[in-house]
Amino acid sequence: MKLKTALTTMVAFSTIILGACGDNQATREEEGHEHAEHVTGDLREETASVDSLPKFLTAKSDDMKVLYQAAANHQKLLENIPCYCGCGESAGHTSNYDCFVYDNKENGAVVWDDHGTRCGVCLEIAAESIIDYSKGKSIKEIRQMIDTKYKEGYAKPTPTPEV
């Protein structure tokens, strides 16, 4: 229930910042993240597992932390959902999952990506997808809903293969 409430709050929050996929590397460096890897403006940080959130989330809201945790725990779902913020072209993302997690290592470690912290479109798509999945909708149904909702007025989707 906490997850659903947090994700619903995140959807509402993300509509306020929708379309804000800008690079703010200077601000992140001022916040003490200069030792992390910057690629295409995104900050990447490795932790031991999905249970350990990255330091770049420390100053973020609890709702954002819950969404990042939920995204990491819904890899199969979000790898089948495109993102419509333009990150496919600007950051090489192939799905909405890439906005939150860059890599899952064989030893269980996770390389997180901070792209989702700055992008309302990414946040909204992930939260809506996870909420609908928890309500029993199939990945195919969720994909169709996302494609329909974001097909006009948003950037080109990531090159996410259809289910």
N, C-alpha and C. Protein backbone atom coordinates (compact mmCIF):
# COMPACT_ATOMS: atom_id res chain seq x y z
N MET A 1 0.82 -1.19 0.00
CA MET A 1 0.00 0.00 0.00
C MET A 1 0.87 1.26 0.00
N LYS A 2 1.98 1.25 0.76
CA LYS A 2 2.89 2.39 0.80
C LYS A 2 3.46 2.67 -0.59
N LEU A 3 3.80 1.61 -1.30
CA LEU A 3 4.34 1.75 -2.65
C LEU A 3 3.33 2.42 -3.56
N LYS A 4 2.09 1.97 -3.53
CA LYS A 4 1.05 2.53 -4.40
C LYS A 4 0.81 4.01 -4.08
N THR A 5 0.75 4.35 -2.80
CA THR A 5 0.55 5.74 -2.40
C THR A 5 1.72 6.61 -2.85
N ALA A 6 2.92 6.12 -2.65
CA ALA A 6 4.10 6.88 -3.05
C ALA A 6 4.15 7.05 -4.56
N LEU A 7 3.83 6.01 -5.29
CA LEU A 7 3.86 6.11 -6.75
C LEU A 7 2.78 7.05 -7.26
N THR A 8 1.61 7.01 -6.64
CA THR A 8 0.54 7.93 -7.03
C THR A 8 0.96 9.37 -6.77
N THR A 9 1.59 9.61 -5.63
CA THR A 9 2.10 10.93 -5.32
C THR A 9 3.16 11.35 -6.33
N MET A 10 4.02 10.40 -6.72
CA MET A 10 5.06 10.70 -7.69
C MET A 10 4.47 11.06 -9.04
N VAL A 11 3.39 10.41 -9.45
CA VAL A 11 2.73 10.76 -10.72
C VAL A 11 2.25 12.20 -10.65
N ALA A 12 1.62 12.56 -9.54
CA ALA A 12 1.15 13.94 -9.38
C ALA A 12 2.32 14.91 -9.38
N PHE A 13 3.37 14.59 -8.67
CA PHE A 13 4.57 15.44 -8.61
C PHE A 13 5.19 15.60 -9.99
N SER A 14 5.28 14.50 -10.71
CA SER A 14 5.96 14.54 -12.00
C SER A 14 5.21 15.38 -13.02
N THR A 15 3.91 15.49 -12.89
CA THR A 15 3.18 16.33 -13.84
C THR A 15 3.56 17.80 -13.67
N ILE A 16 3.99 18.16 -12.49
CA ILE A 16 4.43 19.53 -12.24
C ILE A 16 5.74 19.82 -12.98
N ILE A 17 6.63 18.84 -12.98
CA ILE A 17 7.93 19.05 -13.62
C ILE A 17 8.03 18.37 -14.98
N LEU A 18 6.91 17.95 -15.54
CA LEU A 18 6.89 17.24 -16.81
C LEU A 18 7.68 17.98 -17.87
N GLY A 19 8.51 17.25 -18.54
CA GLY A 19 9.30 17.83 -19.61
C GLY A 19 10.61 18.44 -19.16
N ALA A 20 10.98 18.22 -17.93
CA ALA A 20 12.20 18.83 -17.40
C ALA A 20 13.36 17.86 -17.46
N CYS A 21 13.80 17.52 -18.64
CA CYS A 21 14.91 16.57 -18.78
C CYS A 21 16.19 17.30 -19.09
N GLY A 22 16.49 18.34 -18.36
CA GLY A 22 17.70 19.10 -18.63
C GLY A 22 18.90 18.56 -17.90
N ASP A 23 20.05 18.94 -18.37
CA ASP A 23 21.30 18.54 -17.70
C ASP A 23 21.66 19.61 -16.69
N ASN A 24 21.96 19.19 -15.49
CA ASN A 24 22.34 20.11 -14.44
C ASN A 24 23.59 19.58 -13.75
N GLN A 25 24.60 19.29 -14.54
CA GLN A 25 25.82 18.67 -14.03
C GLN A 25 26.53 19.58 -13.02
N ALA A 26 26.57 20.87 -13.26
CA ALA A 26 27.27 21.79 -12.35
C ALA A 26 26.65 21.72 -10.96
N THR A 27 25.32 21.71 -10.87
CA THR A 27 24.66 21.63 -9.58
C THR A 27 24.99 20.32 -8.89
N ARG A 28 24.99 19.20 -9.62
CA ARG A 28 25.30 17.91 -9.02
C ARG A 28 26.73 17.90 -8.50
N GLU A 29 27.65 18.52 -9.21
CA GLU A 29 29.03 18.55 -8.74
C GLU A 29 29.15 19.38 -7.48
N GLU A 30 28.38 20.48 -7.40
CA GLU A 30 28.39 21.29 -6.19
C GLU A 30 27.84 20.51 -5.00
N GLU A 31 26.95 19.52 -5.27
CA GLU A 31 26.36 18.73 -4.21
C GLU A 31 27.29 17.60 -3.76
N GLY A 32 28.52 17.52 -4.32
CA GLY A 32 29.49 16.53 -3.88
C GLY A 32 29.50 15.24 -4.67
N HIS A 33 29.03 15.26 -5.89
CA HIS A 33 29.00 14.05 -6.69
C HIS A 33 30.08 14.03 -7.75
N GLU A 34 31.15 14.78 -7.53
CA GLU A 34 32.19 14.88 -8.56
C GLU A 34 32.95 13.58 -8.76
N HIS A 35 32.85 12.63 -7.84
CA HIS A 35 33.60 11.39 -7.98
C HIS A 35 32.82 10.32 -8.73
N ALA A 36 31.57 10.57 -9.03
CA ALA A 36 30.77 9.60 -9.78
C ALA A 36 31.02 9.81 -11.26
N GLU A 37 30.62 8.84 -12.04
CA GLU A 37 30.84 8.88 -13.48
C GLU A 37 29.73 9.68 -14.16
N HIS A 38 30.11 10.66 -14.99
CA HIS A 38 29.15 11.44 -15.76
C HIS A 38 29.21 10.99 -17.21
N VAL A 39 28.09 10.57 -17.72
CA VAL A 39 27.99 10.16 -19.11
C VAL A 39 26.75 10.81 -19.68
N THR A 40 26.88 11.49 -20.81
CA THR A 40 25.77 12.20 -21.45
C THR A 40 25.00 13.06 -20.44
N GLY A 41 25.70 13.62 -19.48
CA GLY A 41 25.06 14.47 -18.49
C GLY A 41 24.43 13.72 -17.34
N ASP A 42 24.35 12.41 -17.42
CA ASP A 42 23.74 11.62 -16.36
C ASP A 42 24.82 11.16 -15.38
N LEU A 43 24.44 11.10 -14.12
CA LEU A 43 25.32 10.64 -13.07
C LEU A 43 25.04 9.16 -12.84
N ARG A 44 26.08 8.36 -12.79
CA ARG A 44 25.92 6.92 -12.56
C ARG A 44 26.68 6.53 -11.30
N GLU A 45 26.03 5.69 -10.51
CA GLU A 45 26.63 5.28 -9.24
C GLU A 45 26.30 3.82 -8.96
N GLU A 46 27.30 3.05 -8.57
CA GLU A 46 27.11 1.63 -8.28
C GLU A 46 26.90 1.40 -6.80
N THR A 47 25.93 0.53 -6.49
CA THR A 47 25.71 0.07 -5.12
C THR A 47 25.72 -1.45 -5.12
N ALA A 48 25.77 -2.04 -3.95
CA ALA A 48 25.90 -3.49 -3.82
C ALA A 48 24.68 -4.26 -4.34
N SER A 49 23.49 -3.65 -4.27
CA SER A 49 22.28 -4.35 -4.69
C SER A 49 21.13 -3.35 -4.89
N VAL A 50 19.98 -3.85 -5.33
CA VAL A 50 18.81 -2.98 -5.48
C VAL A 50 18.31 -2.49 -4.14
N ASP A 51 18.74 -3.13 -3.06
CA ASP A 51 18.33 -2.70 -1.72
C ASP A 51 19.12 -1.51 -1.21
N SER A 52 20.21 -1.17 -1.89
CA SER A 52 21.05 -0.03 -1.50
C SER A 52 20.90 1.06 -2.53
N LEU A 53 20.25 2.14 -2.15
CA LEU A 53 20.03 3.24 -3.08
C LEU A 53 21.30 4.09 -3.22
N PRO A 54 21.45 4.74 -4.36
CA PRO A 54 22.65 5.57 -4.59
C PRO A 54 22.62 6.85 -3.76
N LYS A 55 23.81 7.41 -3.54
CA LYS A 55 23.93 8.64 -2.75
C LYS A 55 23.26 9.84 -3.42
N PHE A 56 23.15 9.82 -4.77
CA PHE A 56 22.54 10.97 -5.42
C PHE A 56 21.05 11.11 -5.08
N LEU A 57 20.47 10.10 -4.44
CA LEU A 57 19.07 10.20 -3.99
C LEU A 57 18.94 10.72 -2.56
N THR A 58 20.05 10.90 -1.85
CA THR A 58 20.01 11.29 -0.45
C THR A 58 19.15 12.52 -0.19
N ALA A 59 19.31 13.55 -0.98
CA ALA A 59 18.57 14.80 -0.75
C ALA A 59 17.22 14.83 -1.49
N LYS A 60 16.86 13.74 -2.13
CA LYS A 60 15.60 13.69 -2.88
C LYS A 60 14.46 13.28 -1.96
N SER A 61 13.24 13.48 -2.43
CA SER A 61 12.06 13.15 -1.64
C SER A 61 11.95 11.64 -1.42
N ASP A 62 11.23 11.28 -0.36
CA ASP A 62 10.99 9.86 -0.10
C ASP A 62 10.23 9.22 -1.26
N ASP A 63 9.33 9.97 -1.87
CA ASP A 63 8.57 9.44 -3.01
C ASP A 63 9.50 9.08 -4.16
N MET A 64 10.50 9.92 -4.42
CA MET A 64 11.43 9.62 -5.50
C MET A 64 12.26 8.38 -5.16
N LYS A 65 12.66 8.26 -3.90
CA LYS A 65 13.42 7.08 -3.48
C LYS A 65 12.57 5.81 -3.66
N VAL A 66 11.30 5.88 -3.30
CA VAL A 66 10.40 4.73 -3.47
C VAL A 66 10.26 4.39 -4.94
N LEU A 67 10.15 5.40 -5.79
CA LEU A 67 10.01 5.14 -7.22
C LEU A 67 11.28 4.50 -7.79
N TYR A 68 12.44 4.99 -7.40
CA TYR A 68 13.69 4.38 -7.86
C TYR A 68 13.77 2.91 -7.42
N GLN A 69 13.41 2.64 -6.17
CA GLN A 69 13.42 1.27 -5.67
C GLN A 69 12.44 0.41 -6.45
N ALA A 70 11.24 0.95 -6.69
CA ALA A 70 10.22 0.21 -7.45
C ALA A 70 10.68 -0.03 -8.89
N ALA A 71 11.30 0.95 -9.50
CA ALA A 71 11.79 0.79 -10.87
C ALA A 71 12.82 -0.34 -10.93
N ALA A 72 13.74 -0.36 -9.98
CA ALA A 72 14.77 -1.39 -9.95
C ALA A 72 14.17 -2.78 -9.75
N ASN A 73 13.07 -2.84 -9.02
CA ASN A 73 12.40 -4.11 -8.76
C ASN A 73 11.40 -4.50 -9.85
N HIS A 74 11.23 -3.67 -10.86
CA HIS A 74 10.32 -3.96 -11.98
C HIS A 74 11.07 -3.90 -13.31
N GLN A 75 12.24 -4.52 -13.32
CA GLN A 75 13.08 -4.49 -14.51
C GLN A 75 12.36 -5.04 -15.74
N LYS A 76 11.78 -6.22 -15.64
CA LYS A 76 11.12 -6.85 -16.78
C LYS A 76 10.02 -5.94 -17.35
N LEU A 77 9.25 -5.34 -16.49
CA LEU A 77 8.19 -4.43 -16.92
C LEU A 77 8.77 -3.23 -17.64
N LEU A 78 9.63 -2.48 -16.97
CA LEU A 78 10.11 -1.21 -17.51
C LEU A 78 11.05 -1.37 -18.70
N GLU A 79 11.68 -2.52 -18.85
CA GLU A 79 12.49 -2.75 -20.05
C GLU A 79 11.61 -2.94 -21.29
N ASN A 80 10.30 -3.12 -21.08
CA ASN A 80 9.36 -3.26 -22.19
C ASN A 80 8.51 -2.01 -22.40
N ILE A 81 8.83 -0.95 -21.67
CA ILE A 81 8.07 0.31 -21.76
C ILE A 81 9.00 1.39 -22.30
N PRO A 82 8.62 2.06 -23.38
CA PRO A 82 9.47 3.13 -23.91
C PRO A 82 9.38 4.39 -23.06
N CYS A 83 10.39 5.22 -23.16
CA CYS A 83 10.37 6.54 -22.54
C CYS A 83 10.20 7.56 -23.66
N TYR A 84 9.46 8.60 -23.39
CA TYR A 84 9.14 9.61 -24.39
C TYR A 84 9.73 10.98 -24.05
N CYS A 85 10.86 11.01 -23.35
CA CYS A 85 11.46 12.30 -22.99
C CYS A 85 12.56 12.72 -23.96
N GLY A 86 12.95 11.82 -24.86
CA GLY A 86 14.02 12.12 -25.79
C GLY A 86 15.34 11.47 -25.40
N CYS A 87 15.33 10.70 -24.32
CA CYS A 87 16.57 10.08 -23.83
C CYS A 87 17.08 8.98 -24.74
N GLY A 88 16.25 8.47 -25.63
CA GLY A 88 16.73 7.48 -26.58
C GLY A 88 17.80 8.07 -27.48
N GLU A 89 17.55 9.30 -27.90
CA GLU A 89 18.51 9.97 -28.78
C GLU A 89 19.60 10.70 -27.99
N SER A 90 19.24 11.32 -26.87
CA SER A 90 20.23 12.12 -26.14
C SER A 90 21.14 11.30 -25.23
N ALA A 91 20.63 10.18 -24.70
CA ALA A 91 21.42 9.40 -23.74
C ALA A 91 21.59 7.94 -24.15
N GLY A 92 21.03 7.55 -25.28
CA GLY A 92 21.16 6.17 -25.74
C GLY A 92 20.32 5.17 -24.98
N HIS A 93 19.30 5.65 -24.26
CA HIS A 93 18.44 4.74 -23.53
C HIS A 93 17.60 3.90 -24.50
N THR A 94 17.28 2.67 -24.10
CA THR A 94 16.45 1.80 -24.94
C THR A 94 15.08 1.54 -24.32
N SER A 95 14.87 1.98 -23.08
CA SER A 95 13.59 1.77 -22.40
C SER A 95 13.51 2.72 -21.20
N ASN A 96 12.35 2.74 -20.56
CA ASN A 96 12.17 3.56 -19.36
C ASN A 96 13.04 3.06 -18.21
N TYR A 97 13.36 1.80 -18.18
CA TYR A 97 14.21 1.25 -17.12
C TYR A 97 15.57 1.93 -17.10
N ASP A 98 16.10 2.25 -18.28
CA ASP A 98 17.41 2.89 -18.39
C ASP A 98 17.47 4.27 -17.72
N CYS A 99 16.33 4.90 -17.51
CA CYS A 99 16.29 6.21 -16.87
C CYS A 99 16.62 6.12 -15.38
N PHE A 100 16.56 4.90 -14.84
CA PHE A 100 16.78 4.66 -13.42
C PHE A 100 17.98 3.76 -13.14
N VAL A 101 18.15 2.75 -13.97
CA VAL A 101 19.23 1.77 -13.78
C VAL A 101 20.01 1.65 -15.08
N TYR A 102 21.31 1.84 -14.98
CA TYR A 102 22.19 1.72 -16.14
C TYR A 102 22.59 0.27 -16.39
N ASP A 103 22.88 -0.47 -15.29
CA ASP A 103 23.36 -1.83 -15.47
C ASP A 103 23.08 -2.65 -14.21
N ASN A 104 22.76 -3.92 -14.43
CA ASN A 104 22.65 -4.89 -13.35
C ASN A 104 23.81 -5.87 -13.51
N LYS A 105 24.69 -5.89 -12.52
CA LYS A 105 25.88 -6.74 -12.58
C LYS A 105 25.54 -8.18 -12.18
N GLU A 106 26.34 -9.11 -12.63
CA GLU A 106 26.12 -10.53 -12.32
C GLU A 106 26.19 -10.81 -10.82
N ASN A 107 26.98 -10.03 -10.09
CA ASN A 107 27.12 -10.25 -8.65
C ASN A 107 26.00 -9.59 -7.83
N GLY A 108 25.00 -9.02 -8.51
CA GLY A 108 23.87 -8.38 -7.84
C GLY A 108 24.01 -6.88 -7.67
N ALA A 109 25.18 -6.34 -7.95
CA ALA A 109 25.40 -4.90 -7.85
C ALA A 109 24.56 -4.19 -8.92
N VAL A 110 24.21 -2.95 -8.63
CA VAL A 110 23.41 -2.14 -9.55
C VAL A 110 24.15 -0.84 -9.84
N VAL A 111 24.20 -0.47 -11.11
CA VAL A 111 24.72 0.83 -11.50
C VAL A 111 23.50 1.69 -11.80
N TRP A 112 23.22 2.63 -10.91
CA TRP A 112 22.06 3.50 -11.00
C TRP A 112 22.35 4.66 -11.95
N ASP A 113 21.30 5.24 -12.52
CA ASP A 113 21.41 6.40 -13.40
C ASP A 113 20.50 7.49 -12.84
N ASP A 114 21.00 8.70 -12.69
CA ASP A 114 20.20 9.77 -12.09
C ASP A 114 19.29 10.49 -13.08
N HIS A 115 19.23 10.04 -14.32
CA HIS A 115 18.42 10.70 -15.33
C HIS A 115 16.98 10.92 -14.84
N GLY A 116 16.39 9.90 -14.23
CA GLY A 116 15.01 10.00 -13.76
C GLY A 116 14.78 11.06 -12.71
N THR A 117 15.82 11.46 -11.99
CA THR A 117 15.65 12.47 -10.94
C THR A 117 15.35 13.85 -11.51
N ARG A 118 15.66 14.05 -12.78
CA ARG A 118 15.49 15.36 -13.40
C ARG A 118 14.44 15.38 -14.50
N CYS A 119 13.65 14.32 -14.61
CA CYS A 119 12.77 14.23 -15.76
C CYS A 119 11.37 13.77 -15.37
N GLY A 120 10.42 14.67 -15.47
CA GLY A 120 9.03 14.36 -15.15
C GLY A 120 8.43 13.30 -16.03
N VAL A 121 8.81 13.27 -17.31
CA VAL A 121 8.27 12.27 -18.23
C VAL A 121 8.70 10.88 -17.79
N CYS A 122 9.98 10.72 -17.48
CA CYS A 122 10.51 9.43 -17.03
C CYS A 122 9.79 8.96 -15.76
N LEU A 123 9.67 9.86 -14.80
CA LEU A 123 9.03 9.54 -13.53
C LEU A 123 7.58 9.12 -13.72
N GLU A 124 6.87 9.89 -14.52
CA GLU A 124 5.45 9.61 -14.73
C GLU A 124 5.23 8.28 -15.43
N ILE A 125 6.00 8.01 -16.47
CA ILE A 125 5.85 6.75 -17.20
C ILE A 125 6.14 5.56 -16.28
N ALA A 126 7.21 5.63 -15.50
CA ALA A 126 7.54 4.53 -14.59
C ALA A 126 6.45 4.35 -13.54
N ALA A 127 6.02 5.42 -12.91
CA ALA A 127 5.00 5.32 -11.86
C ALA A 127 3.69 4.78 -12.41
N GLU A 128 3.23 5.31 -13.53
CA GLU A 128 1.98 4.81 -14.13
C GLU A 128 2.08 3.34 -14.49
N SER A 129 3.20 2.95 -15.06
CA SER A 129 3.40 1.56 -15.47
C SER A 129 3.39 0.62 -14.27
N ILE A 130 4.11 0.99 -13.23
CA ILE A 130 4.19 0.13 -12.04
C ILE A 130 2.83 0.05 -11.34
N ILE A 131 2.13 1.16 -11.24
CA ILE A 131 0.79 1.14 -10.62
C ILE A 131 -0.14 0.24 -11.41
N ASP A 132 -0.18 0.40 -12.73
CA ASP A 132 -1.06 -0.43 -13.55
C ASP A 132 -0.68 -1.90 -13.47
N TYR A 133 0.61 -2.19 -13.42
CA TYR A 133 1.08 -3.57 -13.30
C TYR A 133 0.61 -4.17 -11.97
N SER A 134 0.68 -3.37 -10.91
CA SER A 134 0.24 -3.85 -9.60
C SER A 134 -1.27 -4.07 -9.55
N LYS A 135 -2.00 -3.44 -10.47
CA LYS A 135 -3.45 -3.63 -10.57
C LYS A 135 -3.81 -4.82 -11.45
N GLY A 136 -2.79 -5.49 -11.98
CA GLY A 136 -3.03 -6.69 -12.76
C GLY A 136 -3.01 -6.52 -14.27
N LYS A 137 -2.71 -5.33 -14.76
CA LYS A 137 -2.63 -5.14 -16.21
C LYS A 137 -1.38 -5.83 -16.74
N SER A 138 -1.47 -6.32 -17.96
CA SER A 138 -0.34 -6.99 -18.59
C SER A 138 0.66 -5.95 -19.11
N ILE A 139 1.87 -6.41 -19.35
CA ILE A 139 2.89 -5.53 -19.91
C ILE A 139 2.43 -5.00 -21.27
N LYS A 140 1.81 -5.83 -22.06
CA LYS A 140 1.32 -5.42 -23.37
C LYS A 140 0.25 -4.32 -23.24
N GLU A 141 -0.67 -4.46 -22.30
CA GLU A 141 -1.71 -3.44 -22.08
C GLU A 141 -1.09 -2.12 -21.64
N ILE A 142 -0.12 -2.21 -20.75
CA ILE A 142 0.53 -1.00 -20.24
C ILE A 142 1.29 -0.32 -21.36
N ARG A 143 1.99 -1.09 -22.15
CA ARG A 143 2.73 -0.54 -23.29
C ARG A 143 1.79 0.20 -24.24
N GLN A 144 0.65 -0.40 -24.55
CA GLN A 144 -0.32 0.24 -25.44
C GLN A 144 -0.83 1.55 -24.84
N MET A 145 -1.09 1.55 -23.53
CA MET A 145 -1.57 2.75 -22.86
C MET A 145 -0.52 3.86 -22.91
N ILE A 146 0.73 3.51 -22.62
CA ILE A 146 1.81 4.51 -22.63
C ILE A 146 2.00 5.04 -24.05
N ASP A 147 2.06 4.16 -25.04
CA ASP A 147 2.24 4.59 -26.43
C ASP A 147 1.12 5.53 -26.87
N THR A 148 -0.10 5.23 -26.49
CA THR A 148 -1.24 6.08 -26.86
C THR A 148 -1.17 7.43 -26.17
N LYS A 149 -0.89 7.42 -24.87
CA LYS A 149 -0.87 8.66 -24.09
C LYS A 149 0.25 9.61 -24.53
N TYR A 150 1.40 9.07 -24.89
CA TYR A 150 2.58 9.91 -25.14
C TYR A 150 2.93 10.06 -26.62
N LYS A 151 2.09 9.56 -27.52
CA LYS A 151 2.46 9.58 -28.94
C LYS A 151 2.47 10.99 -29.53
N GLU A 152 1.72 11.92 -28.97
CA GLU A 152 1.70 13.28 -29.48
C GLU A 152 2.12 14.27 -28.41
N GLY A 153 2.97 15.21 -28.80
CA GLY A 153 3.40 16.26 -27.88
C GLY A 153 4.62 15.91 -27.05
N TYR A 154 5.21 14.75 -27.30
CA TYR A 154 6.39 14.33 -26.56
C TYR A 154 7.49 13.98 -27.55
N ALA A 155 8.67 13.75 -27.05
CA ALA A 155 9.81 13.39 -27.92
C ALA A 155 9.62 11.99 -28.51
N LYS A 156 10.47 11.68 -29.45
CA LYS A 156 10.50 10.36 -30.07
C LYS A 156 10.76 9.33 -28.97
N PRO A 157 10.03 8.20 -28.98
CA PRO A 157 10.23 7.19 -27.92
C PRO A 157 11.56 6.46 -28.06
N THR A 158 11.99 5.88 -26.96
CA THR A 158 13.17 5.02 -27.01
C THR A 158 12.87 3.84 -27.92
N PRO A 159 13.91 3.25 -28.50
CA PRO A 159 13.71 2.11 -29.41
C PRO A 159 13.44 0.81 -28.64
N THR A 160 12.30 0.76 -27.95
CA THR A 160 11.95 -0.37 -27.12
C THR A 160 11.16 -1.39 -27.93
N PRO A 161 11.69 -2.60 -28.10
CA PRO A 161 10.94 -3.61 -28.88
C PRO A 161 9.58 -3.90 -28.25
N GLU A 162 8.59 -4.17 -29.09
CA GLU A 162 7.25 -4.52 -28.60
C GLU A 162 7.25 -5.91 -28.00
N VAL A 163 6.40 -6.11 -27.02
CA VAL A 163 6.26 -7.40 -26.34
C VAL A 163 5.65 -8.41 -27.28
